[in-house]
C-alpha atoms as a PDB file:
ATOM      1  CA  UNK A   1       2.341  -6.982 -15.288  1.00  0.00           C
ATOM      2  CA  UNK A   2       1.767  -7.772 -11.603  1.00  0.00           C
ATOM      3  CA  UNK A   3      -0.179  -4.803 -10.259  1.00  0.00           C
ATOM      4  CA  UNK A   4      -1.149  -4.458  -6.635  1.00  0.00           C
ATOM      5  CA  UNK A   5      -3.563  -2.056  -4.962  1.00  0.00           C
ATOM      6  CA  UNK A   6      -2.310  -0.809  -1.601  1.00  0.00           C
ATOM      7  CA  UNK A   7      -4.639   1.114   0.712  1.00  0.00           C
ATOM      8  CA  UNK A   8      -3.653   2.968   3.868  1.00  0.00           C
ATOM      9  CA  UNK A   9      -6.175   4.355   6.360  1.00  0.00           C
ATOM     10  CA  UNK A  10      -5.796   5.830   9.837  1.00  0.00           C
ATOM     11  CA  UNK A  11      -5.140   8.902  11.944  1.00  0.00           C
ATOM     12  CA  UNK A  12      -2.796  11.318  10.205  1.00  0.00           C
ATOM     13  CA  UNK A  13       0.779  11.573  11.436  1.00  0.00           C
ATOM     14  CA  UNK A  14       4.262  12.545  10.367  1.00  0.00           C
ATOM     15  CA  UNK A  15       6.112  10.126   8.082  1.00  0.00           C
ATOM     16  CA  UNK A  16       3.338   7.775   6.935  1.00  0.00           C
ATOM     17  CA  UNK A  17       4.043   8.231   3.227  1.00  0.00           C
ATOM     18  CA  UNK A  18       7.808   8.242   3.759  1.00  0.00           C
ATOM     19  CA  UNK A  19       7.775   4.966   5.706  1.00  0.00           C
ATOM     20  CA  UNK A  20       5.620   3.135   3.156  1.00  0.00           C
ATOM     21  CA  UNK A  21       7.371   4.515   0.071  1.00  0.00           C
ATOM     22  CA  UNK A  22      10.800   3.720   1.514  1.00  0.00           C
ATOM     23  CA  UNK A  23       9.712   0.119   2.091  1.00  0.00           C
ATOM     24  CA  UNK A  24       8.385  -0.141  -1.475  1.00  0.00           C
ATOM     25  CA  UNK A  25      11.563   1.336  -2.986  1.00  0.00           C
ATOM     26  CA  UNK A  26      13.783  -0.974  -0.910  1.00  0.00           C
ATOM     27  CA  UNK A  27      11.836  -3.946  -2.290  1.00  0.00           C
ATOM     28  CA  UNK A  28      11.927  -2.800  -5.938  1.00  0.00           C
ATOM     29  CA  UNK A  29       8.201  -2.023  -6.127  1.00  0.00           C
ATOM     30  CA  UNK A  30       7.285   0.856  -8.432  1.00  0.00           C
ATOM     31  CA  UNK A  31       4.430   3.213  -7.564  1.00  0.00           C
ATOM     32  CA  UNK A  32       2.478   3.830 -10.770  1.00  0.00           C
ATOM     33  CA  UNK A  33      -0.300   5.984  -9.328  1.00  0.00           C
ATOM     34  CA  UNK A  34      -1.049   7.450  -5.925  1.00  0.00           C
ATOM     35  CA  UNK A  35      -3.959   9.330  -4.386  1.00  0.00           C
ATOM     36  CA  UNK A  36      -3.893  10.676  -0.851  1.00  0.00           C
ATOM     37  CA  UNK A  37      -6.282  12.789   1.205  1.00  0.00           C
ATOM     38  CA  UNK A  38      -6.610  13.946   4.772  1.00  0.00           C
ATOM     39  CA  UNK A  39     -10.120  14.596   6.043  1.00  0.00           C
ATOM     40  CA  UNK A  40     -10.567  15.982   9.555  1.00  0.00           C
ATOM     41  CA  UNK A  41      -7.335  14.397  10.729  1.00  0.00           C
ATOM     42  CA  UNK A  42      -7.835  11.016   9.045  1.00  0.00           C
ATOM     43  CA  UNK A  43      -5.329   9.880   6.432  1.00  0.00           C
ATOM     44  CA  UNK A  44      -6.442   7.874   3.378  1.00  0.00           C
ATOM     45  CA  UNK A  45      -4.130   6.741   0.570  1.00  0.00           C
ATOM     46  CA  UNK A  46      -4.489   4.385  -2.369  1.00  0.00           C
ATOM     47  CA  UNK A  47      -1.579   3.314  -4.548  1.00  0.00           C
ATOM     48  CA  UNK A  48      -1.352   1.225  -7.673  1.00  0.00           C
ATOM     49  CA  UNK A  49       2.015  -0.488  -7.795  1.00  0.00           C
ATOM     50  CA  UNK A  50       3.963  -2.640 -10.235  1.00  0.00           C
ATOM     51  CA  UNK A  51       5.463  -5.672  -8.499  1.00  0.00           C
ATOM     52  CA  UNK A  52       7.202  -7.230 -11.522  1.00  0.00           C
ATOM     53  CA  UNK A  53      10.647  -6.552 -10.062  1.00  0.00           C
ATOM     54  CA  UNK A  54       9.703  -7.124  -6.401  1.00  0.00           C
ATOM     55  CA  UNK A  55      12.430  -8.750  -4.340  1.00  0.00           C
ATOM     56  CA  UNK A  56       9.959 -10.787  -2.248  1.00  0.00           C
ATOM     57  CA  UNK A  57       6.758 -12.753  -2.857  1.00  0.00           C
ATOM     58  CA  UNK A  58       3.404 -10.942  -2.638  1.00  0.00           C
ATOM     59  CA  UNK A  59       2.435 -12.658   0.633  1.00  0.00           C
ATOM     60  CA  UNK A  60       5.625 -11.508   2.377  1.00  0.00           C
ATOM     61  CA  UNK A  61       5.197  -7.937   1.150  1.00  0.00           C
ATOM     62  CA  UNK A  62       1.539  -7.808   2.208  1.00  0.00           C
ATOM     63  CA  UNK A  63       2.428  -9.161   5.655  1.00  0.00           C
ATOM     64  CA  UNK A  64       5.359  -6.794   6.150  1.00  0.00           C
ATOM     65  CA  UNK A  65       3.315  -3.769   5.061  1.00  0.00           C
ATOM     66  CA  UNK A  66       0.564  -4.787   7.484  1.00  0.00           C
ATOM     67  CA  UNK A  67       3.194  -4.900  10.248  1.00  0.00           C
ATOM     68  CA  UNK A  68       4.522  -1.457   9.275  1.00  0.00           C
ATOM     69  CA  UNK A  69       0.946  -0.165   9.472  1.00  0.00           C
ATOM     70  CA  UNK A  70       0.591  -1.512  13.015  1.00  0.00           C
ATOM     71  CA  UNK A  71       3.856   0.170  14.002  1.00  0.00           C
ATOM     72  CA  UNK A  72       2.782   3.596  12.687  1.00  0.00           C
ATOM     73  CA  UNK A  73      -0.890   3.391  13.667  1.00  0.00           C
ATOM     74  CA  UNK A  74      -2.583   2.873  10.292  1.00  0.00           C
ATOM     75  CA  UNK A  75      -4.193  -0.069   8.505  1.00  0.00           C
ATOM     76  CA  UNK A  76      -2.398  -1.160   5.323  1.00  0.00           C
ATOM     77  CA  UNK A  77      -4.030  -3.651   2.959  1.00  0.00           C
ATOM     78  CA  UNK A  78      -2.617  -5.118  -0.257  1.00  0.00           C
ATOM     79  CA  UNK A  79      -4.716  -6.713  -2.973  1.00  0.00           C
ATOM     80  CA  UNK A  80      -3.709  -8.098  -6.312  1.00  0.00           C
ATOM     81  CA  UNK A  81      -5.303  -6.085  -9.117  1.00  0.00           C
ATOM     82  CA  UNK A  82      -7.317  -9.020 -10.478  1.00  0.00           C
ATOM     83  CA  UNK A  83      -8.859  -9.708  -7.051  1.00  0.00           C
ATOM     84  CA  UNK A  84      -9.556  -6.015  -6.472  1.00  0.00           C
ATOM     85  CA  UNK A  85     -11.280  -5.806  -9.885  1.00  0.00           C
ATOM     86  CA  UNK A  86     -13.336  -8.951  -9.209  1.00  0.00           C
ATOM     87  CA  UNK A  87     -14.498  -7.719  -5.816  1.00  0.00           C
ATOM     88  CA  UNK A  88     -15.706  -4.439  -7.233  1.00  0.00           C
ATOM     89  CA  UNK A  89     -17.679  -5.974 -10.097  1.00  0.00           C
ATOM     90  CA  UNK A  90     -20.175  -7.601  -7.746  1.00  0.00           C
END
């Protein structure tokens, strides 16, 4: 299974989750787990997604999500699960 960790951080605003989830659904990416908090006006979300049925390559999705983040004023990062796991073992 191709899992990806997606993180979203920035000032809270209307429609952040909707914009990102709509993009994922349109590209056949399933959200397996999601955690979201708002602390003193700052939005933080982490998602674990399944990209087995994704309609585009990982690099395109990561780039397009980063662009969506710029448009809505948040930072969106995508990491493959194996890289995320490796980084956090050090």
